[in-house]
Protein backbone atom coordinates (compact mmCIF):
# COMPACT_ATOMS: atom_id res chain seq x y z
CA MET A 1 -52.50 7.76 36.92
CA THR A 2 -53.94 11.24 37.01
CA TYR A 3 -53.73 13.74 34.18
CA THR A 4 -54.86 17.34 33.83
CA VAL A 5 -56.39 18.03 30.42
CA SER A 6 -58.11 21.02 28.85
CA ILE A 7 -61.67 21.34 27.57
CA THR A 8 -61.87 23.18 24.24
CA SER A 9 -64.52 25.77 23.36
CA GLN A 10 -66.25 22.93 21.46
CA GLY A 11 -66.39 20.80 24.64
CA GLN A 12 -63.69 18.41 23.44
CA VAL A 13 -61.27 16.67 25.80
CA THR A 14 -58.10 14.90 24.68
CA ILE A 15 -57.58 11.54 26.38
CA PRO A 16 -53.85 11.16 27.14
CA LYS A 17 -51.95 8.78 24.87
CA ALA A 18 -51.00 6.38 27.70
CA ILE A 19 -54.65 5.90 28.63
CA ARG A 20 -55.75 5.49 24.98
CA LYS A 21 -53.03 2.88 24.48
CA HIS A 22 -53.92 1.01 27.69
CA PHE A 23 -57.60 0.71 26.65
CA GLY A 24 -56.97 0.21 22.93
CA LEU A 25 -58.72 3.44 21.98
CA ASN A 26 -57.50 3.84 18.42
CA THR A 27 -59.46 6.10 16.11
CA PRO A 28 -62.19 5.80 15.04
CA LYS A 29 -63.56 4.53 18.32
CA LYS A 30 -66.62 5.27 20.45
CA VAL A 31 -66.82 5.69 24.22
CA PHE A 32 -69.67 5.96 26.72
CA VAL A 33 -69.72 9.16 28.78
CA GLU A 34 -71.60 8.73 32.03
CA GLU A 35 -72.40 11.10 34.88
CA ARG A 36 -72.05 9.64 38.39
CA ALA A 37 -72.66 11.89 41.37
CA LYS A 38 -69.88 14.46 40.94
CA GLU A 39 -67.81 12.44 38.45
CA ILE A 40 -67.61 12.00 34.70
CA VAL A 41 -66.87 8.41 33.67
CA ILE A 42 -65.62 7.52 30.19
CA LYS A 43 -65.82 3.84 29.18
CA PRO A 44 -64.85 2.19 25.89
CA VAL A 45 -67.74 0.89 23.78
CA PRO A 46 -67.03 -2.67 22.67
CA ASP A 47 -67.08 -2.89 18.90
CA PHE A 48 -69.02 -5.53 17.01
CA PHE A 49 -65.94 -7.53 16.06
CA SER A 50 -64.70 -7.76 19.64
CA LEU A 51 -67.91 -9.66 20.47
CA TYR A 52 -67.03 -12.43 17.99
CA GLN A 53 -67.53 -15.83 19.62
CA SER A 54 -68.60 -14.28 22.93
CA ILE A 55 -72.10 -15.74 22.50
CA LYS A 56 -72.42 -19.43 21.73
CA PRO A 57 -75.38 -20.53 19.57
CA LYS A 58 -77.73 -23.16 21.02
CA LYS A 59 -77.09 -25.38 18.04
CA LYS A 60 -74.32 -25.69 15.49
CA VAL A 61 -74.63 -23.24 12.59
CA ASN A 62 -74.62 -24.69 9.09
CA TRP A 63 -72.82 -21.89 7.23
CA LYS A 64 -73.62 -23.35 3.81
CA GLU A 65 -77.34 -22.98 4.57
CA VAL A 66 -76.76 -19.43 5.79
CA ASP A 67 -74.85 -18.55 2.61
CA LYS A 68 -77.74 -19.90 0.51
CA ALA A 69 -80.43 -18.13 2.54
CA ILE A 70 -78.89 -14.65 2.46
CA PRO A 71 -79.22 -14.06 -1.30
CA ASP A 72 -82.79 -15.43 -1.25
CA ALA A 73 -83.74 -13.09 1.60
CA TRP A 74 -82.10 -10.16 -0.17
CA VAL A 75 -83.99 -10.88 -3.41
CA ALA A 76 -87.27 -11.19 -1.48
CA ASP A 77 -86.68 -7.78 0.12
CA GLU A 78 -85.88 -6.21 -3.25
CA VAL A 79 -89.08 -7.64 -4.75
CA LYS A 80 -91.09 -6.20 -1.85
CA ASN A 81 -89.46 -2.81 -2.40
CA LEU A 82 -90.29 -2.89 -6.11
CA LYS A 83 -93.94 -3.65 -5.34
CA LEU A 84 -94.07 -0.76 -2.89
CA ILE A 85 -92.58 1.65 -5.41
CA LYS A 86 -95.02 0.69 -8.20
CA LYS A 87 -98.11 1.43 -6.08
């Protein structure tokens, strides 16, 4: 499909609703804008949650260990920050 759209004085372009719907571009959403020869290409940026399970870990994750480690790591960072502030 081809659409004619306007460019505002702020450089904004409205992507037609049919195209937004086809590519799942609900707001807020980011897109890549790329220059190719004499074309402008707009591509959806995959969001973090769409990448869920797209990468398989080399070994099975023990989520109980992860849950235990996160608070310890957070406390360690806070202690480091306190030491830096006191100096």
